[in-house]
Amino acid sequence: MALEKNERKHPLLSRKFWLAVITALSMYLSHAYGLELDPEFIVAVILPVITWIVGESIIDYKYKGER
């Protein structure tokens, strides 16, 4: 099922959205249940996620501009 030029995917189908939600939820739940996570571990988890989301967004923007 290919998307037409002006068609957009539903926001809930976005991998970037779900990765951000799961990361935020896991960090919140670890704090809510009192898991003492090392700050370096938190950065080691969140930084690659943020980098991937930003990188995919840049690629999506460039791809959208070529159409």
Foldseek 3Di string as FASTA:
>chain_A
DDDDLPDDDDVVVDPLVVLVVVLVVVVVVCVVVVPDDDPVVNCVVVVVSVVVSVVVVVVVVVVSVVD
